[in-house]
């Protein structure tokens, strides 16, 4: 994902949510190692955004305009690539869905964040 203002804001939101969970004693694990809050946000943003858009669409509120695909130039470990729309949606339209995905999918996958990418891939099929 190219850096843009919306994605920076969403990354900060995810970092804050992960930090709160870590303070409560939760751990986020990837490849056997414990992650810091900013790692959770950096690793999980594309998958969370993919799931959040699918959730918004299922709720009848439409998507955010992102296009997701399993292709380069995605991260080779988690090969989902996100292409942002020409006009980015407002943060307040996307943030509630990102928060909901964090509290469900991310927290469910906290012992192995690769499960988060599996959940996102299911939304692409």
Protein backbone atom coordinates (compact mmCIF):
# COMPACT_ATOMS: atom_id res chain seq x y z
CA UNK A 1 0.00 0.00 0.00
CA UNK A 2 1.27 3.43 -0.85
CA UNK A 3 1.40 5.79 2.07
CA UNK A 4 -1.49 8.20 2.22
CA UNK A 5 -3.17 10.24 4.93
CA UNK A 6 -6.05 7.80 5.47
CA UNK A 7 -3.75 4.80 5.79
CA UNK A 8 -1.51 6.73 8.19
CA UNK A 9 -4.54 7.52 10.36
CA UNK A 10 -5.74 3.91 10.23
CA UNK A 11 -2.25 2.68 11.12
CA UNK A 12 -2.28 4.98 14.18
CA UNK A 13 -5.75 3.69 15.13
CA UNK A 14 -4.58 0.07 14.91
CA UNK A 15 -1.45 0.90 16.88
CA UNK A 16 -3.56 2.45 19.64
CA UNK A 17 -5.97 -0.47 19.76
CA UNK A 18 -3.12 -2.99 19.86
CA UNK A 19 -1.34 -0.97 22.53
CA UNK A 20 -4.47 -0.99 24.71
CA UNK A 21 -4.74 -4.76 24.29
CA UNK A 22 -1.06 -5.23 25.18
CA UNK A 23 -1.49 -3.09 28.31
CA UNK A 24 -4.36 -5.41 29.30
CA UNK A 25 -1.95 -8.34 29.01
CA UNK A 26 -2.72 -9.62 25.51
CA UNK A 27 0.09 -10.78 23.25
CA UNK A 28 0.27 -10.65 19.48
CA UNK A 29 2.41 -13.37 17.92
CA UNK A 30 3.86 -13.77 14.46
CA UNK A 31 6.31 -16.51 13.49
CA UNK A 32 6.76 -17.44 17.15
CA UNK A 33 7.76 -13.93 18.21
CA UNK A 34 5.85 -11.37 20.23
CA UNK A 35 4.97 -8.15 18.41
CA UNK A 36 4.83 -4.56 19.55
CA UNK A 37 1.70 -2.50 18.86
CA UNK A 38 3.22 -0.71 15.87
CA UNK A 39 4.24 -4.07 14.40
CA UNK A 40 0.65 -5.29 14.66
CA UNK A 41 -0.54 -2.20 12.79
CA UNK A 42 2.15 -2.41 10.12
CA UNK A 43 1.70 -6.14 9.52
CA UNK A 44 -2.08 -6.15 9.74
CA UNK A 45 -3.26 -2.97 8.02
CA UNK A 46 -3.89 -4.40 4.54
CA UNK A 47 -5.71 -7.46 5.87
CA UNK A 48 -7.76 -5.40 8.33
CA UNK A 49 -8.72 -2.93 5.61
CA UNK A 50 -9.74 -5.77 3.28
CA UNK A 51 -11.95 -7.37 5.94
CA UNK A 52 -13.34 -3.97 7.03
CA UNK A 53 -14.38 -3.12 3.47
CA UNK A 54 -16.10 -6.50 3.10
CA UNK A 55 -17.91 -5.90 6.39
CA UNK A 56 -19.07 -2.45 5.25
CA UNK A 57 -20.33 -3.93 1.98
CA UNK A 58 -22.20 -6.72 3.82
CA UNK A 59 -23.79 -4.10 6.08
CA UNK A 60 -25.17 -2.40 2.97
CA UNK A 61 -23.03 0.73 3.37
CA UNK A 62 -20.85 0.12 0.33
CA UNK A 63 -17.12 -0.28 0.15
CA UNK A 64 -14.32 2.20 0.61
CA UNK A 65 -13.15 2.03 -3.01
CA UNK A 66 -10.05 -0.07 -2.39
CA UNK A 67 -9.19 -2.90 -4.75
CA UNK A 68 -7.46 -5.92 -3.24
CA UNK A 69 -5.63 -8.64 -5.08
CA UNK A 70 -3.25 -11.48 -4.47
CA UNK A 71 -0.32 -10.15 -6.48
CA UNK A 72 2.87 -8.13 -6.54
CA UNK A 73 3.94 -5.66 -5.26
CA UNK A 74 2.51 -7.14 -2.10
CA UNK A 75 4.56 -8.35 0.80
CA UNK A 76 5.83 -11.84 -0.18
CA UNK A 77 4.92 -13.22 3.27
CA UNK A 78 1.35 -11.84 3.14
CA UNK A 79 0.71 -11.41 -0.60
CA UNK A 80 -2.33 -9.13 -0.54
CA UNK A 81 -1.96 -5.85 -2.38
CA UNK A 82 -4.29 -2.90 -1.84
CA UNK A 83 -4.86 -0.21 -4.45
CA UNK A 84 -6.49 2.90 -2.99
CA UNK A 85 -9.26 4.76 -4.79
CA UNK A 86 -8.60 8.06 -6.56
CA UNK A 87 -10.60 9.86 -3.87
CA UNK A 88 -9.98 8.47 -0.41
CA UNK A 89 -12.97 7.97 1.87
CA UNK A 90 -13.21 9.94 5.09
CA UNK A 91 -11.54 8.45 8.15
CA UNK A 92 -14.81 8.45 10.09
CA UNK A 93 -16.42 6.21 7.44
CA UNK A 94 -13.67 3.60 7.61
CA UNK A 95 -12.56 3.77 11.27
CA UNK A 96 -15.61 2.08 12.86
CA UNK A 97 -15.19 -0.93 10.60
CA UNK A 98 -11.44 -1.10 11.24
CA UNK A 99 -12.14 -1.00 14.97
CA UNK A 100 -14.76 -3.74 14.67
CA UNK A 101 -12.35 -5.94 12.69
CA UNK A 102 -9.63 -5.35 15.27
CA UNK A 103 -11.87 -6.41 18.14
CA UNK A 104 -13.01 -9.54 16.32
CA UNK A 105 -10.64 -10.85 13.64
CA UNK A 106 -7.35 -9.41 14.93
CA UNK A 107 -8.00 -10.41 18.52
CA UNK A 108 -9.07 -13.89 17.39
CA UNK A 109 -5.80 -14.21 15.41
CA UNK A 110 -3.52 -12.67 18.06
CA UNK A 111 -1.72 -15.96 18.75
CA UNK A 112 -0.78 -16.27 15.07
CA UNK A 113 -1.31 -13.19 12.90
CA UNK A 114 -1.01 -15.26 9.73
CA UNK A 115 -4.61 -16.29 10.49
CA UNK A 116 -5.62 -12.68 9.90
CA UNK A 117 -4.34 -12.93 6.33
CA UNK A 118 -6.18 -16.18 5.80
CA UNK A 119 -9.38 -14.40 6.89
CA UNK A 120 -8.68 -11.58 4.43
CA UNK A 121 -8.00 -14.01 1.57
CA UNK A 122 -11.38 -15.61 2.21
CA UNK A 123 -12.98 -12.20 1.60
CA UNK A 124 -11.24 -12.00 -1.78
CA UNK A 125 -12.62 -15.29 -3.05
